[in-house]
Amino acid sequence: MAIKLFVLPTTSSNVKLRLARGHFATSHSHINYYVDLTMTKHRLSEAREAAAALCASFASTTVIDTILCLDGTEVIGACMASELTRAGFTNMNAHRTIYVVTPEHTSGSQLIFRDNTAPMIVGKHVLVLAASVTTGYTVQAAVEAIRYYSGLPVGICAIFSCVDECLGFPIISIFNKRDHLDDYQSCPSTDCPLCKANVKLDGMVNSFGVSTFR
């Protein structure tokens, strides 16, 4: 059975926060809301608005050579690259452009880059872009992977975030738990209040979306 989404009223008229309340499991935690960012990630008009909102938070003195896209945010990443290039952001790579790249995930959830994409990370100033940040594990893995490949992480941004910072980087987001969804909960499965109350899971959530059980 499909879940019922509602739109949370926000100050942004163009980028929507679509939600479903329930009991959901991710690879790292249990959550009481499914945040559906499908349209923001895949509809060009929304992706452009999201990109503009995120880019406005970065100073033009920030050097950005590469945008590392997590969670299927490549369309937003491409829009951000276009926006940053038009705004005159500095980049240090030889082609004077901004690369938009996606990491590969191993079975152990490590992030790797193949020989053909690693040069977009090595020696580059890399901005991490995520759809949502709940526990911070994925963006932390991204920053660690950038450093492993001798890149220089320069910031982290997301559409929705429950976390204010990761590894010393403030997380720039359009929506956050504090201002927009203060009753959002993300807990380890062993400490989930819904599980303790014998509330069954409604579905599994990952970067592709949700699969319902009911």
N, C-alpha and C. Protein backbone atom coordinates (compact mmCIF):
# COMPACT_ATOMS: atom_id res chain seq x y z
N MET A 1 0.85 -1.19 0.00
CA MET A 1 0.00 0.00 0.00
C MET A 1 0.88 1.24 0.00
N ALA A 2 0.61 2.19 -0.85
CA ALA A 2 1.41 3.41 -0.94
C ALA A 2 1.19 4.28 0.28
N ILE A 3 2.24 4.91 0.74
CA ILE A 3 2.12 5.81 1.87
C ILE A 3 1.52 7.13 1.42
N LYS A 4 0.93 7.86 2.37
CA LYS A 4 0.30 9.15 2.05
C LYS A 4 1.26 10.27 2.44
N LEU A 5 1.60 11.08 1.45
CA LEU A 5 2.51 12.19 1.69
C LEU A 5 1.74 13.47 1.98
N PHE A 6 2.31 14.32 2.80
CA PHE A 6 1.77 15.66 2.98
C PHE A 6 2.92 16.65 2.81
N VAL A 7 2.59 17.88 2.49
CA VAL A 7 3.59 18.91 2.27
C VAL A 7 3.64 19.82 3.48
N LEU A 8 4.82 19.95 4.05
CA LEU A 8 5.00 20.80 5.22
C LEU A 8 5.11 22.26 4.78
N PRO A 9 4.31 23.14 5.36
CA PRO A 9 4.42 24.57 5.00
C PRO A 9 5.80 25.11 5.37
N THR A 10 6.44 25.75 4.44
CA THR A 10 7.76 26.33 4.68
C THR A 10 7.82 27.72 4.06
N THR A 11 8.91 28.41 4.32
CA THR A 11 9.09 29.74 3.75
C THR A 11 9.49 29.69 2.28
N SER A 12 9.84 28.50 1.79
CA SER A 12 10.21 28.35 0.39
C SER A 12 8.99 27.94 -0.42
N SER A 13 8.61 28.76 -1.40
CA SER A 13 7.42 28.45 -2.20
C SER A 13 7.73 27.52 -3.36
N ASN A 14 9.01 27.36 -3.67
CA ASN A 14 9.39 26.59 -4.85
C ASN A 14 9.97 25.21 -4.54
N VAL A 15 10.63 25.09 -3.39
CA VAL A 15 11.17 23.79 -2.99
C VAL A 15 10.31 23.27 -1.85
N LYS A 16 9.70 22.11 -2.05
CA LYS A 16 8.74 21.57 -1.10
C LYS A 16 9.39 20.50 -0.22
N LEU A 17 8.88 20.40 1.01
CA LEU A 17 9.29 19.32 1.90
C LEU A 17 8.12 18.36 2.03
N ARG A 18 8.19 17.25 1.31
CA ARG A 18 7.12 16.26 1.29
C ARG A 18 7.44 15.15 2.28
N LEU A 19 6.44 14.79 3.10
CA LEU A 19 6.70 13.89 4.22
C LEU A 19 5.62 12.84 4.35
N ALA A 20 5.99 11.75 5.01
CA ALA A 20 5.02 10.75 5.46
C ALA A 20 5.40 10.38 6.88
N ARG A 21 4.46 10.44 7.78
CA ARG A 21 4.73 10.06 9.16
C ARG A 21 4.52 8.56 9.32
N GLY A 22 5.39 7.91 10.09
CA GLY A 22 5.26 6.47 10.29
C GLY A 22 6.47 5.92 11.02
N HIS A 23 6.77 4.67 10.74
CA HIS A 23 7.89 3.97 11.37
C HIS A 23 8.70 3.33 10.24
N PHE A 24 9.88 3.88 9.99
CA PHE A 24 10.67 3.46 8.84
C PHE A 24 12.09 3.09 9.28
N ALA A 25 12.68 2.18 8.53
CA ALA A 25 14.05 1.74 8.81
C ALA A 25 14.98 2.17 7.68
N THR A 26 16.12 2.71 8.06
CA THR A 26 17.19 2.99 7.10
C THR A 26 18.33 2.03 7.39
N SER A 27 19.42 2.15 6.65
CA SER A 27 20.56 1.25 6.88
C SER A 27 21.25 1.55 8.20
N HIS A 28 21.02 2.74 8.76
CA HIS A 28 21.72 3.13 9.99
C HIS A 28 20.80 3.34 11.19
N SER A 29 19.50 3.54 10.95
CA SER A 29 18.63 3.92 12.07
C SER A 29 17.17 3.67 11.74
N HIS A 30 16.32 3.90 12.75
CA HIS A 30 14.88 3.93 12.56
C HIS A 30 14.43 5.38 12.67
N ILE A 31 13.48 5.77 11.82
CA ILE A 31 13.01 7.16 11.78
C ILE A 31 11.49 7.20 11.81
N ASN A 32 10.95 8.33 12.28
CA ASN A 32 9.49 8.46 12.38
C ASN A 32 8.88 9.29 11.25
N TYR A 33 9.72 9.75 10.32
CA TYR A 33 9.23 10.43 9.12
C TYR A 33 10.02 9.92 7.91
N TYR A 34 9.32 9.73 6.82
CA TYR A 34 9.99 9.54 5.53
C TYR A 34 9.96 10.87 4.82
N VAL A 35 11.14 11.43 4.53
CA VAL A 35 11.25 12.70 3.81
C VAL A 35 11.44 12.37 2.33
N ASP A 36 10.44 12.68 1.53
CA ASP A 36 10.45 12.34 0.11
C ASP A 36 11.02 13.50 -0.70
N LEU A 37 12.23 13.33 -1.18
CA LEU A 37 12.90 14.37 -1.96
C LEU A 37 12.96 14.01 -3.45
N THR A 38 12.11 13.11 -3.88
CA THR A 38 12.13 12.63 -5.26
C THR A 38 11.98 13.76 -6.27
N MET A 39 10.98 14.62 -6.07
CA MET A 39 10.74 15.69 -7.02
C MET A 39 11.87 16.71 -7.02
N THR A 40 12.42 16.98 -5.84
CA THR A 40 13.53 17.93 -5.76
C THR A 40 14.75 17.40 -6.49
N LYS A 41 14.96 16.09 -6.43
CA LYS A 41 16.13 15.49 -7.07
C LYS A 41 15.96 15.30 -8.57
N HIS A 42 14.72 15.13 -9.03
CA HIS A 42 14.53 14.73 -10.42
C HIS A 42 13.73 15.70 -11.28
N ARG A 43 13.04 16.66 -10.67
CA ARG A 43 12.30 17.66 -11.44
C ARG A 43 13.20 18.87 -11.63
N LEU A 44 13.49 19.23 -12.86
CA LEU A 44 14.48 20.26 -13.14
C LEU A 44 14.16 21.59 -12.48
N SER A 45 12.90 22.00 -12.50
CA SER A 45 12.54 23.29 -11.92
C SER A 45 12.84 23.34 -10.42
N GLU A 46 12.52 22.25 -9.72
CA GLU A 46 12.80 22.21 -8.28
C GLU A 46 14.29 22.07 -8.02
N ALA A 47 14.97 21.28 -8.84
CA ALA A 47 16.41 21.11 -8.67
C ALA A 47 17.13 22.45 -8.83
N ARG A 48 16.70 23.25 -9.79
CA ARG A 48 17.31 24.57 -9.99
C ARG A 48 17.10 25.47 -8.78
N GLU A 49 15.88 25.45 -8.24
CA GLU A 49 15.58 26.29 -7.07
C GLU A 49 16.39 25.83 -5.86
N ALA A 50 16.50 24.52 -5.68
CA ALA A 50 17.28 23.99 -4.56
C ALA A 50 18.75 24.36 -4.72
N ALA A 51 19.26 24.25 -5.94
CA ALA A 51 20.66 24.59 -6.21
C ALA A 51 20.92 26.06 -5.91
N ALA A 52 20.03 26.93 -6.33
CA ALA A 52 20.21 28.37 -6.10
C ALA A 52 20.20 28.67 -4.61
N ALA A 53 19.30 28.01 -3.86
CA ALA A 53 19.22 28.24 -2.42
C ALA A 53 20.49 27.79 -1.71
N LEU A 54 21.04 26.65 -2.12
CA LEU A 54 22.25 26.15 -1.49
C LEU A 54 23.46 26.99 -1.86
N CYS A 55 23.55 27.38 -3.11
CA CYS A 55 24.71 28.17 -3.56
C CYS A 55 24.76 29.53 -2.88
N ALA A 56 23.60 30.07 -2.54
CA ALA A 56 23.56 31.39 -1.90
C ALA A 56 24.23 31.39 -0.53
N SER A 57 24.40 30.20 0.05
CA SER A 57 25.00 30.10 1.38
C SER A 57 26.51 30.04 1.35
N PHE A 58 27.10 29.94 0.16
CA PHE A 58 28.55 29.85 0.06
C PHE A 58 29.14 31.18 -0.40
N ALA A 59 30.22 31.57 0.25
CA ALA A 59 30.90 32.80 -0.13
C ALA A 59 31.64 32.59 -1.44
N SER A 60 31.71 33.65 -2.24
CA SER A 60 32.38 33.53 -3.54
C SER A 60 33.87 33.27 -3.40
N THR A 61 34.39 33.40 -2.18
CA THR A 61 35.81 33.10 -1.95
C THR A 61 36.06 31.61 -1.79
N THR A 62 34.99 30.82 -1.67
CA THR A 62 35.14 29.37 -1.55
C THR A 62 35.58 28.79 -2.89
N VAL A 63 36.66 28.03 -2.88
CA VAL A 63 37.15 27.38 -4.10
C VAL A 63 36.46 26.04 -4.24
N ILE A 64 35.79 25.81 -5.38
CA ILE A 64 35.09 24.55 -5.63
C ILE A 64 35.47 24.03 -7.01
N ASP A 65 36.11 22.87 -7.04
CA ASP A 65 36.47 22.22 -8.30
C ASP A 65 35.50 21.10 -8.66
N THR A 66 34.97 20.44 -7.61
CA THR A 66 34.17 19.23 -7.81
C THR A 66 33.00 19.21 -6.84
N ILE A 67 31.85 18.78 -7.32
CA ILE A 67 30.70 18.53 -6.45
C ILE A 67 30.50 17.01 -6.39
N LEU A 68 30.62 16.46 -5.19
CA LEU A 68 30.45 15.02 -4.98
C LEU A 68 29.00 14.77 -4.60
N CYS A 69 28.25 14.11 -5.48
CA CYS A 69 26.81 13.94 -5.30
C CYS A 69 26.49 12.60 -4.64
N LEU A 70 25.78 12.66 -3.52
CA LEU A 70 25.31 11.47 -2.83
C LEU A 70 23.80 11.37 -2.99
N ASP A 71 23.26 10.18 -2.80
CA ASP A 71 21.80 9.98 -2.71
C ASP A 71 21.05 10.34 -3.99
N GLY A 72 21.69 10.25 -5.15
CA GLY A 72 20.98 10.55 -6.39
C GLY A 72 20.74 12.02 -6.64
N THR A 73 21.66 12.86 -6.19
CA THR A 73 21.49 14.32 -6.32
C THR A 73 22.21 14.90 -7.53
N GLU A 74 22.47 14.10 -8.54
CA GLU A 74 23.26 14.57 -9.68
C GLU A 74 22.62 15.74 -10.42
N VAL A 75 21.30 15.76 -10.55
CA VAL A 75 20.64 16.87 -11.25
C VAL A 75 20.84 18.17 -10.47
N ILE A 76 20.66 18.11 -9.16
CA ILE A 76 20.90 19.29 -8.32
C ILE A 76 22.36 19.69 -8.40
N GLY A 77 23.26 18.69 -8.39
CA GLY A 77 24.69 18.98 -8.48
C GLY A 77 25.05 19.69 -9.76
N ALA A 78 24.46 19.26 -10.88
CA ALA A 78 24.72 19.91 -12.16
C ALA A 78 24.19 21.34 -12.15
N CYS A 79 23.02 21.55 -11.55
CA CYS A 79 22.47 22.90 -11.45
C CYS A 79 23.35 23.78 -10.56
N MET A 80 23.87 23.20 -9.49
CA MET A 80 24.77 23.95 -8.62
C MET A 80 26.05 24.34 -9.36
N ALA A 81 26.60 23.39 -10.13
CA ALA A 81 27.82 23.68 -10.90
C ALA A 81 27.57 24.84 -11.85
N SER A 82 26.41 24.84 -12.51
CA SER A 82 26.06 25.93 -13.43
C SER A 82 25.92 27.24 -12.68
N GLU A 83 25.26 27.21 -11.54
CA GLU A 83 25.05 28.41 -10.73
C GLU A 83 26.37 28.96 -10.21
N LEU A 84 27.22 28.09 -9.71
CA LEU A 84 28.51 28.53 -9.16
C LEU A 84 29.42 29.07 -10.25
N THR A 85 29.38 28.45 -11.41
CA THR A 85 30.20 28.92 -12.52
C THR A 85 29.75 30.31 -12.96
N ARG A 86 28.43 30.50 -13.04
CA ARG A 86 27.89 31.79 -13.46
C ARG A 86 28.19 32.88 -12.43
N ALA A 87 28.23 32.47 -11.14
CA ALA A 87 28.48 33.43 -10.07
C ALA A 87 29.95 33.77 -9.92
N GLY A 88 30.81 33.13 -10.71
CA GLY A 88 32.21 33.47 -10.69
C GLY A 88 33.01 32.83 -9.58
N PHE A 89 32.53 31.69 -9.06
CA PHE A 89 33.29 30.99 -8.02
C PHE A 89 34.62 30.51 -8.58
N THR A 90 35.65 30.59 -7.76
CA THR A 90 36.98 30.21 -8.20
C THR A 90 37.13 28.70 -8.22
N ASN A 91 37.78 28.16 -9.26
CA ASN A 91 38.19 26.76 -9.25
C ASN A 91 39.63 26.68 -9.73
N MET A 92 40.32 25.67 -9.27
CA MET A 92 41.75 25.58 -9.48
C MET A 92 42.15 24.53 -10.52
N ASN A 93 41.17 23.77 -11.04
CA ASN A 93 41.54 22.72 -11.97
C ASN A 93 41.88 23.30 -13.34
N ALA A 94 42.62 22.52 -14.08
CA ALA A 94 43.19 23.01 -15.35
C ALA A 94 42.13 23.42 -16.36
N HIS A 95 40.93 22.80 -16.28
CA HIS A 95 39.90 23.07 -17.27
C HIS A 95 38.98 24.23 -16.87
N ARG A 96 39.23 24.81 -15.69
CA ARG A 96 38.45 25.95 -15.23
C ARG A 96 36.95 25.68 -15.29
N THR A 97 36.59 24.52 -14.80
CA THR A 97 35.18 24.14 -14.77
C THR A 97 34.91 23.42 -13.46
N ILE A 98 33.69 22.97 -13.24
CA ILE A 98 33.34 22.22 -12.03
C ILE A 98 32.89 20.82 -12.44
N TYR A 99 33.51 19.83 -11.84
CA TYR A 99 33.14 18.45 -12.11
C TYR A 99 31.98 18.04 -11.20
N VAL A 100 31.10 17.21 -11.72
CA VAL A 100 30.00 16.64 -10.95
C VAL A 100 30.17 15.13 -10.99
N VAL A 101 30.41 14.52 -9.83
CA VAL A 101 30.78 13.11 -9.79
C VAL A 101 30.01 12.39 -8.69
N THR A 102 29.79 11.09 -8.91
CA THR A 102 29.11 10.24 -7.94
C THR A 102 30.06 9.12 -7.51
N PRO A 103 30.16 8.84 -6.22
CA PRO A 103 31.04 7.76 -5.77
C PRO A 103 30.40 6.40 -5.99
N GLU A 104 31.21 5.37 -5.96
CA GLU A 104 30.73 4.00 -5.98
C GLU A 104 30.76 3.47 -4.56
N HIS A 105 29.72 2.71 -4.18
CA HIS A 105 29.65 2.16 -2.84
C HIS A 105 30.02 0.68 -2.89
N THR A 106 30.92 0.27 -2.02
CA THR A 106 31.27 -1.15 -1.91
C THR A 106 30.23 -1.85 -1.04
N SER A 107 30.30 -3.16 -0.97
CA SER A 107 29.36 -3.92 -0.13
C SER A 107 29.52 -3.57 1.34
N GLY A 108 30.68 -3.04 1.72
CA GLY A 108 30.90 -2.63 3.09
C GLY A 108 30.59 -1.16 3.35
N SER A 109 29.86 -0.53 2.40
CA SER A 109 29.43 0.86 2.50
C SER A 109 30.59 1.85 2.42
N GLN A 110 31.73 1.41 1.92
CA GLN A 110 32.83 2.34 1.68
C GLN A 110 32.61 3.03 0.34
N LEU A 111 33.15 4.24 0.22
CA LEU A 111 33.04 5.00 -1.02
C LEU A 111 34.37 4.92 -1.76
N ILE A 112 34.29 4.57 -3.06
CA ILE A 112 35.50 4.46 -3.87
C ILE A 112 35.30 5.19 -5.19
N PHE A 113 36.41 5.50 -5.83
CA PHE A 113 36.40 6.12 -7.15
C PHE A 113 37.27 5.30 -8.07
N ARG A 114 36.79 5.02 -9.26
CA ARG A 114 37.55 4.26 -10.25
C ARG A 114 38.63 5.15 -10.87
N ASP A 115 39.51 4.53 -11.63
CA ASP A 115 40.63 5.26 -12.21
C ASP A 115 40.18 6.42 -13.11
N ASN A 116 38.99 6.29 -13.70
CA ASN A 116 38.53 7.34 -14.62
C ASN A 116 37.89 8.52 -13.89
N THR A 117 37.42 8.31 -12.65
CA THR A 117 36.80 9.41 -11.90
C THR A 117 37.68 9.95 -10.78
N ALA A 118 38.66 9.17 -10.34
CA ALA A 118 39.53 9.62 -9.25
C ALA A 118 40.23 10.95 -9.55
N PRO A 119 40.64 11.22 -10.81
CA PRO A 119 41.28 12.52 -11.08
C PRO A 119 40.38 13.72 -10.80
N MET A 120 39.07 13.50 -10.70
CA MET A 120 38.16 14.59 -10.36
C MET A 120 38.15 14.88 -8.86
N ILE A 121 38.82 14.02 -8.10
CA ILE A 121 38.92 14.17 -6.65
C ILE A 121 40.34 14.52 -6.22
N VAL A 122 41.32 13.84 -6.79
CA VAL A 122 42.71 14.02 -6.39
C VAL A 122 43.15 15.47 -6.59
N GLY A 123 43.59 16.10 -5.51
CA GLY A 123 44.07 17.47 -5.58
C GLY A 123 42.99 18.52 -5.80
N LYS A 124 41.71 18.13 -5.75
CA LYS A 124 40.62 19.06 -6.03
C LYS A 124 39.94 19.53 -4.73
N HIS A 125 39.34 20.70 -4.81
CA HIS A 125 38.51 21.22 -3.72
C HIS A 125 37.09 20.68 -3.94
N VAL A 126 36.62 19.86 -3.02
CA VAL A 126 35.40 19.08 -3.24
C VAL A 126 34.29 19.48 -2.27
N LEU A 127 33.13 19.79 -2.83
CA LEU A 127 31.92 20.08 -2.05
C LEU A 127 31.04 18.83 -2.03
N VAL A 128 30.62 18.41 -0.85
CA VAL A 128 29.75 17.23 -0.71
C VAL A 128 28.30 17.67 -0.74
N LEU A 129 27.50 17.03 -1.58
CA LEU A 129 26.07 17.31 -1.70
C LEU A 129 25.28 16.05 -1.39
N ALA A 130 24.39 16.13 -0.40
CA ALA A 130 23.53 15.00 -0.03
C ALA A 130 22.07 15.41 -0.14
N ALA A 131 21.19 14.43 -0.29
CA ALA A 131 19.76 14.73 -0.28
C ALA A 131 19.31 15.03 1.14
N SER A 132 19.61 14.10 2.05
CA SER A 132 19.26 14.32 3.46
C SER A 132 20.37 13.75 4.33
N VAL A 133 20.52 14.34 5.50
CA VAL A 133 21.51 13.89 6.47
C VAL A 133 20.77 13.63 7.77
N THR A 134 20.74 12.37 8.18
CA THR A 134 20.06 12.03 9.43
C THR A 134 21.08 11.70 10.52
N THR A 135 21.87 10.65 10.32
CA THR A 135 22.89 10.30 11.31
C THR A 135 24.23 10.96 11.02
N GLY A 136 24.47 11.31 9.76
CA GLY A 136 25.76 11.89 9.38
C GLY A 136 26.79 10.88 8.94
N TYR A 137 26.45 9.58 9.01
CA TYR A 137 27.42 8.54 8.66
C TYR A 137 27.86 8.63 7.19
N THR A 138 26.91 8.87 6.30
CA THR A 138 27.23 8.85 4.88
C THR A 138 28.09 10.05 4.48
N VAL A 139 27.75 11.23 4.99
CA VAL A 139 28.57 12.39 4.63
C VAL A 139 29.94 12.31 5.28
N GLN A 140 30.02 11.68 6.46
CA GLN A 140 31.33 11.48 7.09
C GLN A 140 32.18 10.56 6.22
N ALA A 141 31.56 9.48 5.71
CA ALA A 141 32.28 8.56 4.82
C ALA A 141 32.74 9.28 3.56
N ALA A 142 31.92 10.22 3.07
CA ALA A 142 32.29 10.97 1.87
C ALA A 142 33.50 11.86 2.12
N VAL A 143 33.50 12.56 3.24
CA VAL A 143 34.64 13.42 3.58
C VAL A 143 35.91 12.58 3.75
N GLU A 144 35.77 11.44 4.41
CA GLU A 144 36.93 10.57 4.61
C GLU A 144 37.45 10.03 3.28
N ALA A 145 36.54 9.70 2.36
CA ALA A 145 36.95 9.20 1.05
C ALA A 145 37.67 10.29 0.26
N ILE A 146 37.17 11.51 0.32
CA ILE A 146 37.83 12.62 -0.38
C ILE A 146 39.26 12.77 0.12
N ARG A 147 39.43 12.73 1.42
CA ARG A 147 40.78 12.86 2.00
C ARG A 147 41.65 11.67 1.64
N TYR A 148 41.07 10.48 1.60
CA TYR A 148 41.85 9.30 1.24
C TYR A 148 42.39 9.42 -0.18
N TYR A 149 41.59 10.01 -1.07
CA TYR A 149 42.02 10.18 -2.47
C TYR A 149 42.76 11.51 -2.67
N SER A 150 43.24 12.08 -1.59
CA SER A 150 44.06 13.30 -1.64
C SER A 150 43.30 14.51 -2.18
N GLY A 151 41.99 14.54 -1.95
CA GLY A 151 41.22 15.72 -2.26
C GLY A 151 41.08 16.60 -1.02
N LEU A 152 40.53 17.78 -1.21
CA LEU A 152 40.36 18.72 -0.11
C LEU A 152 38.87 19.02 0.05
N PRO A 153 38.21 18.46 1.07
CA PRO A 153 36.79 18.78 1.28
C PRO A 153 36.64 20.23 1.71
N VAL A 154 35.68 20.94 1.12
CA VAL A 154 35.51 22.36 1.44
C VAL A 154 34.14 22.67 2.03
N GLY A 155 33.24 21.69 2.07
CA GLY A 155 31.93 21.96 2.65
C GLY A 155 30.97 20.80 2.43
N ILE A 156 29.87 20.85 3.16
CA ILE A 156 28.81 19.84 3.06
C ILE A 156 27.47 20.57 2.96
N CYS A 157 26.63 20.14 2.03
CA CYS A 157 25.30 20.74 1.91
C CYS A 157 24.28 19.65 1.65
N ALA A 158 23.02 19.94 1.98
CA ALA A 158 21.94 18.96 1.84
C ALA A 158 20.61 19.68 1.70
N ILE A 159 19.62 18.97 1.21
CA ILE A 159 18.27 19.54 1.15
C ILE A 159 17.66 19.55 2.55
N PHE A 160 17.77 18.43 3.26
CA PHE A 160 17.24 18.31 4.62
C PHE A 160 18.32 17.73 5.52
N SER A 161 18.46 18.28 6.72
CA SER A 161 19.47 17.76 7.64
C SER A 161 18.97 17.79 9.08
N CYS A 162 19.30 16.72 9.80
CA CYS A 162 19.05 16.67 11.24
C CYS A 162 20.31 17.02 12.02
N VAL A 163 21.42 17.18 11.32
CA VAL A 163 22.73 17.37 11.94
C VAL A 163 23.25 18.75 11.56
N ASP A 164 23.82 19.44 12.53
CA ASP A 164 24.33 20.79 12.28
C ASP A 164 25.73 20.80 11.70
N GLU A 165 26.54 19.79 12.05
CA GLU A 165 27.92 19.76 11.55
C GLU A 165 28.43 18.34 11.47
N CYS A 166 29.48 18.16 10.70
CA CYS A 166 30.11 16.85 10.55
C CYS A 166 31.60 17.06 10.31
N LEU A 167 32.41 16.46 11.16
CA LEU A 167 33.87 16.55 11.06
C LEU A 167 34.35 18.01 10.99
N GLY A 168 33.66 18.87 11.71
CA GLY A 168 34.06 20.27 11.76
C GLY A 168 33.45 21.15 10.68
N PHE A 169 32.73 20.55 9.72
CA PHE A 169 32.08 21.32 8.66
C PHE A 169 30.62 21.60 9.04
N PRO A 170 30.18 22.85 9.01
CA PRO A 170 28.74 23.11 9.19
C PRO A 170 27.99 22.55 7.99
N ILE A 171 26.84 21.94 8.24
CA ILE A 171 26.05 21.39 7.14
C ILE A 171 25.04 22.45 6.69
N ILE A 172 25.22 22.92 5.47
CA ILE A 172 24.32 23.91 4.88
C ILE A 172 23.11 23.17 4.32
N SER A 173 21.92 23.54 4.76
CA SER A 173 20.72 22.85 4.28
C SER A 173 19.59 23.85 4.04
N ILE A 174 18.66 23.44 3.19
CA ILE A 174 17.47 24.27 2.95
C ILE A 174 16.46 24.06 4.07
N PHE A 175 16.29 22.81 4.48
CA PHE A 175 15.39 22.45 5.56
C PHE A 175 16.20 21.75 6.65
N ASN A 176 15.81 21.96 7.91
CA ASN A 176 16.48 21.26 9.01
C ASN A 176 15.48 20.88 10.08
N LYS A 177 15.92 19.99 10.93
CA LYS A 177 15.06 19.48 11.99
C LYS A 177 14.65 20.58 12.95
N ARG A 178 15.56 21.45 13.31
CA ARG A 178 15.31 22.48 14.31
C ARG A 178 14.20 23.44 13.88
N ASP A 179 14.26 23.90 12.63
CA ASP A 179 13.32 24.93 12.17
C ASP A 179 12.08 24.39 11.49
N HIS A 180 12.15 23.18 10.96
CA HIS A 180 11.06 22.70 10.12
C HIS A 180 10.40 21.40 10.58
N LEU A 181 11.09 20.60 11.40
CA LEU A 181 10.54 19.29 11.76
C LEU A 181 11.11 18.87 13.11
N ASP A 182 10.74 19.60 14.15
CA ASP A 182 11.40 19.41 15.45
C ASP A 182 11.05 18.09 16.13
N ASP A 183 10.00 17.40 15.68
CA ASP A 183 9.68 16.10 16.29
C ASP A 183 10.23 14.93 15.48
N TYR A 184 11.11 15.22 14.51
CA TYR A 184 11.76 14.16 13.74
C TYR A 184 12.68 13.38 14.67
N GLN A 185 12.61 12.05 14.59
CA GLN A 185 13.45 11.19 15.42
C GLN A 185 14.24 10.23 14.54
N SER A 186 15.51 10.08 14.86
CA SER A 186 16.37 9.09 14.24
C SER A 186 17.10 8.36 15.35
N CYS A 187 16.82 7.07 15.49
CA CYS A 187 17.36 6.31 16.62
C CYS A 187 17.95 4.99 16.14
N PRO A 188 18.94 4.46 16.86
CA PRO A 188 19.40 3.09 16.56
C PRO A 188 18.23 2.13 16.72
N SER A 189 18.21 1.08 15.94
CA SER A 189 17.09 0.12 16.01
C SER A 189 16.94 -0.48 17.40
N THR A 190 18.05 -0.57 18.14
CA THR A 190 18.01 -1.15 19.48
C THR A 190 17.43 -0.18 20.51
N ASP A 191 17.29 1.09 20.13
CA ASP A 191 16.79 2.09 21.07
C ASP A 191 15.62 2.86 20.48
N CYS A 192 14.88 2.22 19.58
CA CYS A 192 13.77 2.89 18.89
C CYS A 192 12.51 2.86 19.75
N PRO A 193 11.95 4.03 20.09
CA PRO A 193 10.74 4.04 20.93
C PRO A 193 9.53 3.41 20.25
N LEU A 194 9.47 3.47 18.92
CA LEU A 194 8.35 2.84 18.21
C LEU A 194 8.45 1.32 18.28
N CYS A 195 9.66 0.80 18.17
CA CYS A 195 9.86 -0.65 18.31
C CYS A 195 9.49 -1.09 19.73
N LYS A 196 9.90 -0.30 20.73
CA LYS A 196 9.60 -0.64 22.12
C LYS A 196 8.10 -0.61 22.39
N ALA A 197 7.38 0.22 21.60
CA ALA A 197 5.92 0.29 21.74
C ALA A 197 5.22 -0.73 20.85
N ASN A 198 6.02 -1.64 20.24
CA ASN A 198 5.50 -2.71 19.37
C ASN A 198 4.78 -2.17 18.13
N VAL A 199 5.23 -1.01 17.64
CA VAL A 199 4.70 -0.46 16.40
C VAL A 199 5.48 -1.08 15.24
N LYS A 200 4.77 -1.72 14.34
CA LYS A 200 5.42 -2.39 13.22
C LYS A 200 5.99 -1.38 12.22
N LEU A 201 7.03 -1.81 11.52
CA LEU A 201 7.62 -0.96 10.49
C LEU A 201 6.65 -0.75 9.34
N ASP A 202 6.62 0.47 8.82
CA ASP A 202 5.82 0.77 7.64
C ASP A 202 6.61 0.54 6.35
N GLY A 203 7.94 0.61 6.44
CA GLY A 203 8.72 0.42 5.23
C GLY A 203 10.20 0.61 5.44
N MET A 204 10.95 0.32 4.38
CA MET A 204 12.39 0.51 4.35
C MET A 204 12.70 1.72 3.48
N VAL A 205 13.65 2.54 3.92
CA VAL A 205 13.99 3.77 3.21
C VAL A 205 15.47 3.76 2.85
N ASN A 206 15.77 4.13 1.60
CA ASN A 206 17.16 4.39 1.22
C ASN A 206 17.17 5.55 0.23
N SER A 207 18.31 5.78 -0.42
CA SER A 207 18.43 6.95 -1.29
C SER A 207 17.51 6.87 -2.52
N PHE A 208 17.00 5.67 -2.84
CA PHE A 208 16.11 5.52 -3.99
C PHE A 208 14.66 5.80 -3.63
N GLY A 209 14.33 5.77 -2.33
CA GLY A 209 12.96 6.00 -1.92
C GLY A 209 12.52 5.07 -0.81
N VAL A 210 11.25 4.69 -0.83
CA VAL A 210 10.69 3.87 0.23
C VAL A 210 10.01 2.64 -0.36
N SER A 211 10.15 1.51 0.35
CA SER A 211 9.42 0.28 0.02
C SER A 211 8.55 -0.06 1.21
N THR A 212 7.24 -0.04 1.02
CA THR A 212 6.31 -0.24 2.13
C THR A 212 6.08 -1.71 2.40
N PHE A 213 5.70 -2.02 3.68
CA PHE A 213 5.43 -3.38 4.09
C PHE A 213 3.94 -3.66 4.19
N ARG A 214 3.14 -2.59 4.27
CA ARG A 214 1.72 -2.80 4.53
C ARG A 214 0.88 -2.58 3.28
